[in-house]
Amino acid sequence: MNYLTFEKAFRDYPVFSIKDIRKRFTDFDIKRLGEWRNKGYLMMVKRGHYCFQDRHKGEQFLYYAANKIYTPSYISLESALSYYNLIPEGVFTTVSVTTRNTASYDTSIGAFEFRHLKPRLYFGYRLINEGDLTIRMAEPEKVLLDYFYLNTLNNDEDIRAVRINKAQALELIDRDVLGEYQELFDSKVLNKRIRIFLKIINA
């Protein structure tokens, strides 16, 4: 197969896997991928996953890549807090939650972290469209619950240190949705942390 045929077939794929390629071209010789990487046409995102070298690789691309390279997963925790402008800091690792084992990857396009969440808690994400990318992103209420559930934040000082943007939280967070999702977690420790958080943002 020549490169032009391959590029035409996958140009609309932001990230594609060997599995994706084999679905389209059953007799594809994977040695071609190494050749095209050496020529600067492709780059490896993670073992078995590739993108075109000239693809724009901004923040939204990293979100999409995270969804693709480790499934099932959705963007949450620090990355989603930053996406919703709920924290002031930039985030240099793309962080997701997954029902699979906790994992991290330092790749040619950036660092990725995936934190384990029980399968019964894998809910509360939405599909967002950023240009030609469709990304699985935690809803604002769910990212707060994921964050407070998976991190040890047991007192007022710990929670203030997260530096949640109060005005943004009051605007974005639907208390009814937060309460419904909180019940599904069924965690006394989480309930305590959320009580402290709500007291802080309402002060």
N, C-alpha and C. Protein backbone atom coordinates (compact mmCIF):
# COMPACT_ATOMS: atom_id res chain seq x y z
N MET A 1 0.84 -1.20 0.00
CA MET A 1 0.00 0.00 0.00
C MET A 1 0.87 1.25 0.00
N ASN A 2 0.48 2.25 -0.78
CA ASN A 2 1.24 3.50 -0.74
C ASN A 2 0.65 4.45 0.30
N TYR A 3 1.47 5.42 0.68
CA TYR A 3 1.08 6.34 1.77
C TYR A 3 -0.14 7.18 1.40
N LEU A 4 -0.25 7.63 0.17
CA LEU A 4 -1.36 8.50 -0.22
C LEU A 4 -2.70 7.79 -0.05
N THR A 5 -2.74 6.50 -0.36
CA THR A 5 -3.97 5.73 -0.17
C THR A 5 -4.32 5.64 1.31
N PHE A 6 -3.30 5.38 2.13
CA PHE A 6 -3.50 5.29 3.57
C PHE A 6 -3.96 6.63 4.15
N GLU A 7 -3.30 7.71 3.75
CA GLU A 7 -3.65 9.03 4.28
C GLU A 7 -5.08 9.40 3.92
N LYS A 8 -5.49 9.11 2.72
CA LYS A 8 -6.86 9.42 2.30
C LYS A 8 -7.88 8.67 3.17
N ALA A 9 -7.55 7.43 3.54
CA ALA A 9 -8.46 6.61 4.33
C ALA A 9 -8.56 7.08 5.77
N PHE A 10 -7.47 7.64 6.32
CA PHE A 10 -7.45 7.94 7.76
C PHE A 10 -7.28 9.41 8.10
N ARG A 11 -7.29 10.28 7.10
CA ARG A 11 -7.08 11.70 7.37
C ARG A 11 -8.10 12.26 8.35
N ASP A 12 -9.32 11.74 8.36
CA ASP A 12 -10.36 12.24 9.26
C ASP A 12 -10.32 11.58 10.63
N TYR A 13 -9.38 10.70 10.88
CA TYR A 13 -9.20 10.06 12.19
C TYR A 13 -8.14 10.85 12.97
N PRO A 14 -8.51 11.54 14.03
CA PRO A 14 -7.49 12.26 14.80
C PRO A 14 -6.42 11.32 15.37
N VAL A 15 -6.86 10.18 15.89
CA VAL A 15 -5.96 9.13 16.38
C VAL A 15 -6.52 7.81 15.87
N PHE A 16 -5.67 6.96 15.37
CA PHE A 16 -6.13 5.67 14.86
C PHE A 16 -5.23 4.56 15.39
N SER A 17 -5.82 3.40 15.56
CA SER A 17 -5.10 2.26 16.11
C SER A 17 -4.84 1.22 15.03
N ILE A 18 -3.97 0.28 15.34
CA ILE A 18 -3.74 -0.82 14.41
C ILE A 18 -5.04 -1.57 14.15
N LYS A 19 -5.87 -1.68 15.20
CA LYS A 19 -7.18 -2.33 15.04
C LYS A 19 -8.03 -1.58 14.02
N ASP A 20 -8.03 -0.23 14.10
CA ASP A 20 -8.78 0.58 13.12
C ASP A 20 -8.27 0.31 11.70
N ILE A 21 -6.95 0.24 11.56
CA ILE A 21 -6.36 0.03 10.23
C ILE A 21 -6.75 -1.33 9.67
N ARG A 22 -6.69 -2.34 10.53
CA ARG A 22 -6.99 -3.70 10.08
C ARG A 22 -8.47 -3.85 9.70
N LYS A 23 -9.33 -3.04 10.31
CA LYS A 23 -10.74 -3.08 9.91
C LYS A 23 -10.91 -2.59 8.48
N ARG A 24 -10.10 -1.59 8.11
CA ARG A 24 -10.20 -1.02 6.76
C ARG A 24 -9.39 -1.82 5.73
N PHE A 25 -8.19 -2.22 6.15
CA PHE A 25 -7.29 -2.94 5.25
C PHE A 25 -6.83 -4.22 5.96
N THR A 26 -7.51 -5.31 5.68
CA THR A 26 -7.28 -6.56 6.44
C THR A 26 -5.88 -7.13 6.24
N ASP A 27 -5.25 -6.86 5.11
CA ASP A 27 -3.93 -7.41 4.84
C ASP A 27 -2.82 -6.37 5.02
N PHE A 28 -3.09 -5.33 5.81
CA PHE A 28 -2.12 -4.23 5.97
C PHE A 28 -0.84 -4.75 6.64
N ASP A 29 0.30 -4.33 6.11
CA ASP A 29 1.61 -4.70 6.66
C ASP A 29 2.03 -3.60 7.65
N ILE A 30 2.07 -3.95 8.93
CA ILE A 30 2.34 -2.93 9.95
C ILE A 30 3.77 -2.37 9.85
N LYS A 31 4.65 -3.00 9.07
CA LYS A 31 5.99 -2.44 8.87
C LYS A 31 5.91 -1.07 8.22
N ARG A 32 4.83 -0.85 7.46
CA ARG A 32 4.65 0.45 6.81
C ARG A 32 4.58 1.59 7.83
N LEU A 33 3.99 1.30 8.99
CA LEU A 33 3.87 2.35 10.01
C LEU A 33 5.24 2.83 10.46
N GLY A 34 6.17 1.89 10.66
CA GLY A 34 7.54 2.27 11.03
C GLY A 34 8.21 3.08 9.93
N GLU A 35 8.01 2.68 8.69
CA GLU A 35 8.60 3.41 7.57
C GLU A 35 8.07 4.84 7.51
N TRP A 36 6.75 4.97 7.68
CA TRP A 36 6.14 6.30 7.58
C TRP A 36 6.49 7.17 8.78
N ARG A 37 6.70 6.56 9.93
CA ARG A 37 7.20 7.32 11.09
C ARG A 37 8.60 7.86 10.81
N ASN A 38 9.46 7.01 10.26
CA ASN A 38 10.84 7.42 9.97
C ASN A 38 10.88 8.55 8.93
N LYS A 39 9.89 8.58 8.06
CA LYS A 39 9.84 9.64 7.05
C LYS A 39 9.17 10.91 7.59
N GLY A 40 8.65 10.85 8.82
CA GLY A 40 8.03 12.03 9.42
C GLY A 40 6.58 12.22 9.07
N TYR A 41 5.93 11.20 8.53
CA TYR A 41 4.52 11.31 8.17
C TYR A 41 3.61 11.04 9.38
N LEU A 42 4.02 10.09 10.20
CA LEU A 42 3.21 9.67 11.35
C LEU A 42 4.00 9.82 12.63
N MET A 43 3.27 9.86 13.75
CA MET A 43 3.91 9.75 15.06
C MET A 43 3.10 8.81 15.93
N MET A 44 3.79 8.13 16.83
CA MET A 44 3.12 7.20 17.73
C MET A 44 2.59 7.97 18.93
N VAL A 45 1.32 7.84 19.19
CA VAL A 45 0.71 8.46 20.38
C VAL A 45 0.98 7.58 21.60
N LYS A 46 0.73 6.31 21.44
CA LYS A 46 1.00 5.27 22.43
C LYS A 46 1.15 3.99 21.63
N ARG A 47 1.81 3.01 22.18
CA ARG A 47 2.02 1.77 21.44
C ARG A 47 0.70 1.28 20.82
N GLY A 48 0.71 1.13 19.50
CA GLY A 48 -0.48 0.67 18.78
C GLY A 48 -1.42 1.76 18.34
N HIS A 49 -1.12 3.02 18.70
CA HIS A 49 -1.98 4.16 18.34
C HIS A 49 -1.13 5.25 17.69
N TYR A 50 -1.66 5.84 16.61
CA TYR A 50 -0.89 6.79 15.81
C TYR A 50 -1.73 8.01 15.44
N CYS A 51 -1.02 9.04 15.02
CA CYS A 51 -1.68 10.20 14.42
C CYS A 51 -0.77 10.74 13.34
N PHE A 52 -1.30 11.61 12.49
CA PHE A 52 -0.47 12.23 11.46
C PHE A 52 0.40 13.30 12.10
N GLN A 53 1.64 13.36 11.64
CA GLN A 53 2.62 14.28 12.22
C GLN A 53 2.15 15.74 12.16
N ASP A 54 1.44 16.11 11.10
CA ASP A 54 1.05 17.50 10.92
C ASP A 54 -0.28 17.84 11.60
N ARG A 55 -0.84 16.90 12.33
CA ARG A 55 -2.10 17.15 13.03
C ARG A 55 -1.88 18.17 14.14
N HIS A 56 -2.77 19.17 14.26
CA HIS A 56 -2.68 20.12 15.37
C HIS A 56 -2.95 19.39 16.68
N LYS A 57 -2.07 19.60 17.66
CA LYS A 57 -2.14 18.80 18.88
C LYS A 57 -2.34 19.69 20.11
N GLY A 58 -3.41 20.46 20.09
CA GLY A 58 -3.74 21.31 21.23
C GLY A 58 -4.41 20.53 22.35
N GLU A 59 -4.93 21.25 23.32
CA GLU A 59 -5.52 20.62 24.50
C GLU A 59 -6.67 19.68 24.16
N GLN A 60 -7.55 20.11 23.26
CA GLN A 60 -8.69 19.28 22.90
C GLN A 60 -8.25 17.98 22.23
N PHE A 61 -7.18 18.06 21.44
CA PHE A 61 -6.65 16.84 20.84
C PHE A 61 -6.17 15.87 21.91
N LEU A 62 -5.53 16.38 22.94
CA LEU A 62 -5.05 15.52 24.03
C LEU A 62 -6.22 14.87 24.75
N TYR A 63 -7.32 15.60 24.93
CA TYR A 63 -8.51 15.01 25.54
C TYR A 63 -9.02 13.85 24.68
N TYR A 64 -9.10 14.10 23.37
CA TYR A 64 -9.57 13.06 22.47
C TYR A 64 -8.64 11.85 22.51
N ALA A 65 -7.34 12.12 22.47
CA ALA A 65 -6.36 11.03 22.48
C ALA A 65 -6.50 10.19 23.75
N ALA A 66 -6.72 10.85 24.88
CA ALA A 66 -6.90 10.12 26.14
C ALA A 66 -8.09 9.18 26.06
N ASN A 67 -9.20 9.67 25.53
CA ASN A 67 -10.39 8.83 25.34
C ASN A 67 -10.08 7.61 24.48
N LYS A 68 -9.24 7.81 23.49
CA LYS A 68 -8.98 6.77 22.48
C LYS A 68 -7.99 5.71 22.97
N ILE A 69 -6.94 6.13 23.66
CA ILE A 69 -5.85 5.19 23.95
C ILE A 69 -6.12 4.30 25.16
N TYR A 70 -7.14 4.65 25.98
CA TYR A 70 -7.42 3.82 27.16
C TYR A 70 -8.92 3.86 27.39
N THR A 71 -9.60 2.81 27.00
CA THR A 71 -11.06 2.80 27.09
C THR A 71 -11.53 1.65 27.97
N PRO A 72 -12.68 1.84 28.67
CA PRO A 72 -13.48 3.07 28.70
C PRO A 72 -12.86 4.10 29.64
N SER A 73 -12.95 5.35 29.25
CA SER A 73 -12.47 6.43 30.12
C SER A 73 -13.16 7.73 29.71
N TYR A 74 -13.16 8.69 30.61
CA TYR A 74 -13.60 10.05 30.27
C TYR A 74 -12.73 11.04 31.02
N ILE A 75 -12.60 12.24 30.48
CA ILE A 75 -11.79 13.29 31.10
C ILE A 75 -12.45 13.74 32.39
N SER A 76 -11.68 13.81 33.48
CA SER A 76 -12.22 14.22 34.77
C SER A 76 -11.09 14.81 35.62
N LEU A 77 -11.35 14.90 36.93
CA LEU A 77 -10.35 15.34 37.90
C LEU A 77 -9.72 16.67 37.48
N GLU A 78 -8.41 16.83 37.62
CA GLU A 78 -7.80 18.14 37.38
C GLU A 78 -8.04 18.66 35.97
N SER A 79 -8.04 17.77 34.98
CA SER A 79 -8.23 18.22 33.60
C SER A 79 -9.61 18.80 33.37
N ALA A 80 -10.64 18.13 33.90
CA ALA A 80 -12.00 18.64 33.73
C ALA A 80 -12.23 19.88 34.58
N LEU A 81 -11.65 19.93 35.77
CA LEU A 81 -11.75 21.14 36.60
C LEU A 81 -11.17 22.33 35.85
N SER A 82 -10.06 22.12 35.18
CA SER A 82 -9.44 23.19 34.39
C SER A 82 -10.30 23.54 33.18
N TYR A 83 -10.84 22.54 32.51
CA TYR A 83 -11.69 22.77 31.33
C TYR A 83 -12.87 23.69 31.68
N TYR A 84 -13.47 23.48 32.85
CA TYR A 84 -14.62 24.28 33.28
C TYR A 84 -14.20 25.56 34.02
N ASN A 85 -12.90 25.85 34.05
CA ASN A 85 -12.38 27.02 34.75
C ASN A 85 -12.75 27.02 36.24
N LEU A 86 -12.78 25.83 36.81
CA LEU A 86 -13.09 25.71 38.24
C LEU A 86 -11.83 25.80 39.10
N ILE A 87 -10.66 25.67 38.49
CA ILE A 87 -9.40 25.88 39.20
C ILE A 87 -8.55 26.83 38.37
N PRO A 88 -7.68 27.61 39.02
CA PRO A 88 -6.92 28.63 38.28
C PRO A 88 -5.70 28.08 37.56
N GLU A 89 -5.18 26.94 37.99
CA GLU A 89 -3.93 26.43 37.44
C GLU A 89 -4.11 25.73 36.11
N GLY A 90 -3.08 25.82 35.27
CA GLY A 90 -3.04 24.98 34.08
C GLY A 90 -2.68 23.56 34.50
N VAL A 91 -3.07 22.60 33.69
CA VAL A 91 -2.81 21.19 34.01
C VAL A 91 -1.95 20.61 32.90
N PHE A 92 -0.82 20.02 33.27
CA PHE A 92 0.14 19.56 32.27
C PHE A 92 0.06 18.06 32.00
N THR A 93 -0.76 17.35 32.76
CA THR A 93 -1.04 15.95 32.50
C THR A 93 -2.53 15.82 32.21
N THR A 94 -2.89 15.10 31.17
CA THR A 94 -4.30 14.89 30.85
C THR A 94 -4.82 13.76 31.73
N VAL A 95 -5.79 14.09 32.59
CA VAL A 95 -6.23 13.16 33.63
C VAL A 95 -7.65 12.67 33.34
N SER A 96 -7.83 11.37 33.43
CA SER A 96 -9.13 10.74 33.17
C SER A 96 -9.45 9.77 34.29
N VAL A 97 -10.70 9.32 34.32
CA VAL A 97 -11.07 8.18 35.16
C VAL A 97 -11.47 7.02 34.25
N THR A 98 -11.31 5.81 34.77
CA THR A 98 -11.55 4.61 34.00
C THR A 98 -12.02 3.50 34.91
N THR A 99 -12.71 2.52 34.37
CA THR A 99 -13.06 1.33 35.15
C THR A 99 -11.93 0.32 35.12
N ARG A 100 -10.92 0.57 34.31
CA ARG A 100 -9.76 -0.33 34.24
C ARG A 100 -8.75 0.04 35.33
N ASN A 101 -7.63 -0.62 35.33
CA ASN A 101 -6.60 -0.35 36.33
C ASN A 101 -6.04 1.06 36.16
N THR A 102 -5.61 1.65 37.26
CA THR A 102 -4.91 2.94 37.21
C THR A 102 -3.67 2.78 36.33
N ALA A 103 -3.41 3.79 35.49
CA ALA A 103 -2.27 3.71 34.57
C ALA A 103 -1.80 5.11 34.23
N SER A 104 -0.56 5.21 33.79
CA SER A 104 -0.03 6.50 33.32
C SER A 104 0.90 6.24 32.14
N TYR A 105 0.92 7.20 31.22
CA TYR A 105 1.73 7.09 30.01
C TYR A 105 2.40 8.44 29.74
N ASP A 106 3.69 8.41 29.52
CA ASP A 106 4.43 9.60 29.11
C ASP A 106 4.76 9.40 27.64
N THR A 107 4.05 10.11 26.77
CA THR A 107 4.13 9.83 25.33
C THR A 107 4.77 10.98 24.57
N SER A 108 4.90 10.79 23.28
CA SER A 108 5.52 11.81 22.43
C SER A 108 4.66 13.07 22.33
N ILE A 109 3.36 12.96 22.65
CA ILE A 109 2.50 14.15 22.55
C ILE A 109 2.13 14.72 23.92
N GLY A 110 2.43 14.02 25.00
CA GLY A 110 2.11 14.51 26.33
C GLY A 110 1.94 13.39 27.34
N ALA A 111 1.70 13.78 28.58
CA ALA A 111 1.53 12.81 29.67
C ALA A 111 0.05 12.56 29.92
N PHE A 112 -0.29 11.31 30.17
CA PHE A 112 -1.67 10.90 30.42
C PHE A 112 -1.73 10.10 31.72
N GLU A 113 -2.77 10.35 32.49
CA GLU A 113 -3.00 9.59 33.73
C GLU A 113 -4.45 9.12 33.74
N PHE A 114 -4.64 7.87 34.14
CA PHE A 114 -5.97 7.27 34.22
C PHE A 114 -6.13 6.69 35.62
N ARG A 115 -7.14 7.17 36.34
CA ARG A 115 -7.36 6.69 37.71
C ARG A 115 -8.60 5.81 37.77
N HIS A 116 -8.46 4.72 38.50
CA HIS A 116 -9.53 3.72 38.57
C HIS A 116 -10.73 4.24 39.36
N LEU A 117 -11.91 3.99 38.81
CA LEU A 117 -13.18 4.29 39.47
C LEU A 117 -14.04 3.03 39.36
N LYS A 118 -14.75 2.69 40.42
CA LYS A 118 -15.58 1.49 40.40
C LYS A 118 -16.57 1.56 39.23
N PRO A 119 -16.84 0.44 38.58
CA PRO A 119 -17.76 0.44 37.44
C PRO A 119 -19.11 1.07 37.74
N ARG A 120 -19.64 0.90 38.95
CA ARG A 120 -20.95 1.47 39.27
C ARG A 120 -20.91 3.00 39.33
N LEU A 121 -19.70 3.57 39.41
CA LEU A 121 -19.56 5.02 39.47
C LEU A 121 -19.15 5.63 38.12
N TYR A 122 -19.13 4.79 37.10
CA TYR A 122 -18.76 5.27 35.77
C TYR A 122 -20.01 5.82 35.08
N PHE A 123 -20.30 7.07 35.38
CA PHE A 123 -21.47 7.76 34.80
C PHE A 123 -21.20 9.25 34.92
N GLY A 124 -22.15 10.05 34.45
CA GLY A 124 -22.05 11.49 34.65
C GLY A 124 -21.06 12.19 33.73
N TYR A 125 -20.92 11.69 32.51
CA TYR A 125 -20.08 12.38 31.53
C TYR A 125 -20.94 12.73 30.31
N ARG A 126 -20.47 13.67 29.55
CA ARG A 126 -21.19 14.12 28.36
C ARG A 126 -20.25 14.07 27.16
N LEU A 127 -20.83 14.06 25.97
CA LEU A 127 -20.04 14.18 24.75
C LEU A 127 -20.00 15.64 24.35
N ILE A 128 -18.81 16.19 24.25
CA ILE A 128 -18.67 17.59 23.84
C ILE A 128 -17.97 17.63 22.48
N ASN A 129 -18.36 18.59 21.67
CA ASN A 129 -17.76 18.73 20.34
C ASN A 129 -16.83 19.93 20.33
N GLU A 130 -15.58 19.67 20.00
CA GLU A 130 -14.58 20.72 19.87
C GLU A 130 -14.01 20.62 18.46
N GLY A 131 -14.53 21.44 17.55
CA GLY A 131 -14.12 21.34 16.16
C GLY A 131 -14.56 19.99 15.60
N ASP A 132 -13.60 19.23 15.06
CA ASP A 132 -13.93 17.92 14.50
C ASP A 132 -13.74 16.80 15.53
N LEU A 133 -13.57 17.16 16.80
CA LEU A 133 -13.33 16.18 17.85
C LEU A 133 -14.55 16.02 18.75
N THR A 134 -14.90 14.80 19.08
CA THR A 134 -15.96 14.50 20.05
C THR A 134 -15.29 13.86 21.26
N ILE A 135 -15.49 14.46 22.42
CA ILE A 135 -14.73 14.10 23.62
C ILE A 135 -15.68 13.71 24.74
N ARG A 136 -15.34 12.65 25.45
CA ARG A 136 -16.09 12.27 26.66
C ARG A 136 -15.52 13.06 27.84
N MET A 137 -16.35 13.93 28.41
CA MET A 137 -15.93 14.84 29.47
C MET A 137 -16.89 14.73 30.65
N ALA A 138 -16.37 14.68 31.86
CA ALA A 138 -17.22 14.67 33.05
C ALA A 138 -18.10 15.91 33.08
N GLU A 139 -19.34 15.74 33.52
CA GLU A 139 -20.20 16.89 33.78
C GLU A 139 -19.63 17.64 34.98
N PRO A 140 -19.93 18.95 35.12
CA PRO A 140 -19.36 19.72 36.23
C PRO A 140 -19.61 19.09 37.60
N GLU A 141 -20.84 18.60 37.81
CA GLU A 141 -21.17 18.00 39.11
C GLU A 141 -20.37 16.72 39.34
N LYS A 142 -20.19 15.95 38.28
CA LYS A 142 -19.50 14.67 38.43
C LYS A 142 -18.01 14.85 38.64
N VAL A 143 -17.41 15.85 37.99
CA VAL A 143 -15.98 16.04 38.19
C VAL A 143 -15.68 16.40 39.64
N LEU A 144 -16.55 17.20 40.25
CA LEU A 144 -16.35 17.52 41.67
C LEU A 144 -16.44 16.26 42.54
N LEU A 145 -17.43 15.44 42.26
CA LEU A 145 -17.59 14.22 43.05
C LEU A 145 -16.43 13.26 42.81
N ASP A 146 -16.01 13.09 41.57
CA ASP A 146 -14.86 12.24 41.28
C ASP A 146 -13.63 12.74 42.05
N TYR A 147 -13.42 14.05 42.00
CA TYR A 147 -12.23 14.63 42.61
C TYR A 147 -12.24 14.45 44.13
N PHE A 148 -13.37 14.77 44.75
CA PHE A 148 -13.44 14.66 46.21
C PHE A 148 -13.49 13.20 46.68
N TYR A 149 -13.91 12.32 45.82
CA TYR A 149 -13.96 10.89 46.17
C TYR A 149 -12.57 10.25 46.09
N LEU A 150 -11.79 10.63 45.07
CA LEU A 150 -10.52 9.97 44.82
C LEU A 150 -9.33 10.64 45.48
N ASN A 151 -9.54 11.79 46.09
CA ASN A 151 -8.44 12.49 46.77
C ASN A 151 -8.76 12.66 48.25
N THR A 152 -7.71 12.62 49.05
CA THR A 152 -7.88 12.72 50.50
C THR A 152 -7.96 14.20 50.89
N LEU A 153 -9.17 14.67 51.09
CA LEU A 153 -9.45 16.07 51.44
C LEU A 153 -10.46 16.05 52.57
N ASN A 154 -9.95 15.99 53.79
CA ASN A 154 -10.85 15.69 54.91
C ASN A 154 -11.23 16.87 55.78
N ASN A 155 -10.67 18.04 55.51
CA ASN A 155 -11.02 19.17 56.36
C ASN A 155 -11.08 20.46 55.53
N ASP A 156 -11.47 21.51 56.20
CA ASP A 156 -11.64 22.81 55.56
C ASP A 156 -10.36 23.27 54.86
N GLU A 157 -9.23 23.10 55.54
CA GLU A 157 -7.96 23.55 54.98
C GLU A 157 -7.61 22.81 53.70
N ASP A 158 -7.80 21.48 53.69
CA ASP A 158 -7.51 20.68 52.50
C ASP A 158 -8.35 21.14 51.31
N ILE A 159 -9.63 21.37 51.56
CA ILE A 159 -10.54 21.71 50.47
C ILE A 159 -10.31 23.14 49.97
N ARG A 160 -9.99 24.06 50.87
CA ARG A 160 -9.66 25.42 50.43
C ARG A 160 -8.40 25.42 49.56
N ALA A 161 -7.49 24.50 49.84
CA ALA A 161 -6.23 24.44 49.09
C ALA A 161 -6.43 24.06 47.63
N VAL A 162 -7.58 23.47 47.30
CA VAL A 162 -7.88 23.15 45.90
C VAL A 162 -8.11 24.42 45.08
N ARG A 163 -8.52 25.49 45.76
CA ARG A 163 -8.72 26.81 45.15
C ARG A 163 -9.81 26.79 44.08
N ILE A 164 -10.92 26.18 44.43
CA ILE A 164 -12.07 26.17 43.50
C ILE A 164 -12.56 27.59 43.31
N ASN A 165 -12.83 27.95 42.06
CA ASN A 165 -13.38 29.26 41.72
C ASN A 165 -14.83 29.32 42.20
N LYS A 166 -15.10 30.06 43.27
CA LYS A 166 -16.43 30.07 43.88
C LYS A 166 -17.50 30.55 42.91
N ALA A 167 -17.24 31.66 42.23
CA ALA A 167 -18.24 32.23 41.33
C ALA A 167 -18.57 31.25 40.20
N GLN A 168 -17.54 30.62 39.66
CA GLN A 168 -17.76 29.67 38.57
C GLN A 168 -18.52 28.43 39.07
N ALA A 169 -18.19 27.97 40.26
CA ALA A 169 -18.88 26.80 40.83
C ALA A 169 -20.35 27.11 41.07
N LEU A 170 -20.64 28.28 41.60
CA LEU A 170 -22.04 28.65 41.87
C LEU A 170 -22.83 28.76 40.57
N GLU A 171 -22.16 29.17 39.50
CA GLU A 171 -22.85 29.31 38.21
C GLU A 171 -23.05 27.96 37.53
N LEU A 172 -22.06 27.07 37.62
CA LEU A 172 -22.09 25.83 36.85
C LEU A 172 -22.79 24.66 37.54
N ILE A 173 -22.67 24.59 38.86
CA ILE A 173 -23.10 23.38 39.57
C ILE A 173 -24.61 23.41 39.83
N ASP A 174 -25.27 22.40 39.33
CA ASP A 174 -26.70 22.20 39.59
C ASP A 174 -26.81 21.37 40.88
N ARG A 175 -27.34 21.99 41.94
CA ARG A 175 -27.38 21.30 43.23
C ARG A 175 -28.22 20.03 43.20
N ASP A 176 -29.29 20.04 42.41
CA ASP A 176 -30.13 18.84 42.33
C ASP A 176 -29.36 17.68 41.69
N VAL A 177 -28.65 17.98 40.60
CA VAL A 177 -27.85 16.95 39.94
C VAL A 177 -26.74 16.47 40.87
N LEU A 178 -26.08 17.42 41.54
CA LEU A 178 -25.02 17.06 42.48
C LEU A 178 -25.57 16.11 43.55
N GLY A 179 -26.73 16.42 44.09
CA GLY A 179 -27.33 15.58 45.12
C GLY A 179 -27.69 14.19 44.61
N GLU A 180 -28.25 14.12 43.41
CA GLU A 180 -28.61 12.82 42.81
C GLU A 180 -27.37 11.96 42.62
N TYR A 181 -26.32 12.54 42.06
CA TYR A 181 -25.10 11.79 41.82
C TYR A 181 -24.43 11.40 43.14
N GLN A 182 -24.50 12.29 44.11
CA GLN A 182 -23.89 12.03 45.41
C GLN A 182 -24.52 10.80 46.07
N GLU A 183 -25.82 10.66 45.94
CA GLU A 183 -26.51 9.50 46.50
C GLU A 183 -26.02 8.20 45.87
N LEU A 184 -25.69 8.25 44.59
CA LEU A 184 -25.22 7.05 43.90
C LEU A 184 -23.84 6.62 44.39
N PHE A 185 -23.04 7.56 44.85
CA PHE A 185 -21.75 7.21 45.42
C PHE A 185 -21.92 6.48 46.75
N ASP A 186 -22.94 6.88 47.52
CA ASP A 186 -23.24 6.24 48.80
C ASP A 186 -21.99 6.16 49.69
N SER A 187 -21.39 7.34 49.91
CA SER A 187 -20.14 7.41 50.68
C SER A 187 -20.24 8.48 51.75
N LYS A 188 -20.14 8.09 53.00
CA LYS A 188 -20.20 9.05 54.10
C LYS A 188 -19.01 10.01 54.06
N VAL A 189 -17.85 9.50 53.69
CA VAL A 189 -16.66 10.35 53.61
C VAL A 189 -16.85 11.42 52.53
N LEU A 190 -17.36 11.00 51.37
CA LEU A 190 -17.62 11.97 50.30
C LEU A 190 -18.67 12.99 50.73
N ASN A 191 -19.72 12.53 51.40
CA ASN A 191 -20.76 13.46 51.85
C ASN A 191 -20.18 14.54 52.75
N LYS A 192 -19.27 14.14 53.64
CA LYS A 192 -18.63 15.12 54.54
C LYS A 192 -17.83 16.14 53.73
N ARG A 193 -17.08 15.66 52.76
CA ARG A 193 -16.25 16.57 51.95
C ARG A 193 -17.11 17.54 51.15
N ILE A 194 -18.23 17.05 50.62
CA ILE A 194 -19.11 17.93 49.84
C ILE A 194 -19.78 18.97 50.74
N ARG A 195 -20.15 18.58 51.96
CA ARG A 195 -20.72 19.56 52.90
C ARG A 195 -19.74 20.69 53.16
N ILE A 196 -18.47 20.34 53.37
CA ILE A 196 -17.46 21.37 53.62
C ILE A 196 -17.30 22.25 52.38
N PHE A 197 -17.23 21.62 51.21
CA PHE A 197 -17.09 22.37 49.96
C PHE A 197 -18.23 23.36 49.76
N LEU A 198 -19.47 22.91 49.98
CA LEU A 198 -20.63 23.78 49.78
C LEU A 198 -20.62 24.93 50.77
N LYS A 199 -20.18 24.65 51.99
CA LYS A 199 -20.10 25.72 53.00
C LYS A 199 -19.08 26.78 52.55
N ILE A 200 -17.98 26.33 51.99
CA ILE A 200 -16.92 27.26 51.55
C ILE A 200 -17.39 28.14 50.39
N ILE A 201 -18.03 27.54 49.37
CA ILE A 201 -18.40 28.35 48.22
C ILE A 201 -19.59 29.25 48.50
N ASN A 202 -20.36 28.93 49.54
CA ASN A 202 -21.51 29.76 49.90
C ASN A 202 -21.16 30.85 50.92
N ALA A 203 -19.94 30.81 51.41
CA ALA A 203 -19.54 31.76 52.45
C ALA A 203 -19.43 33.18 51.88
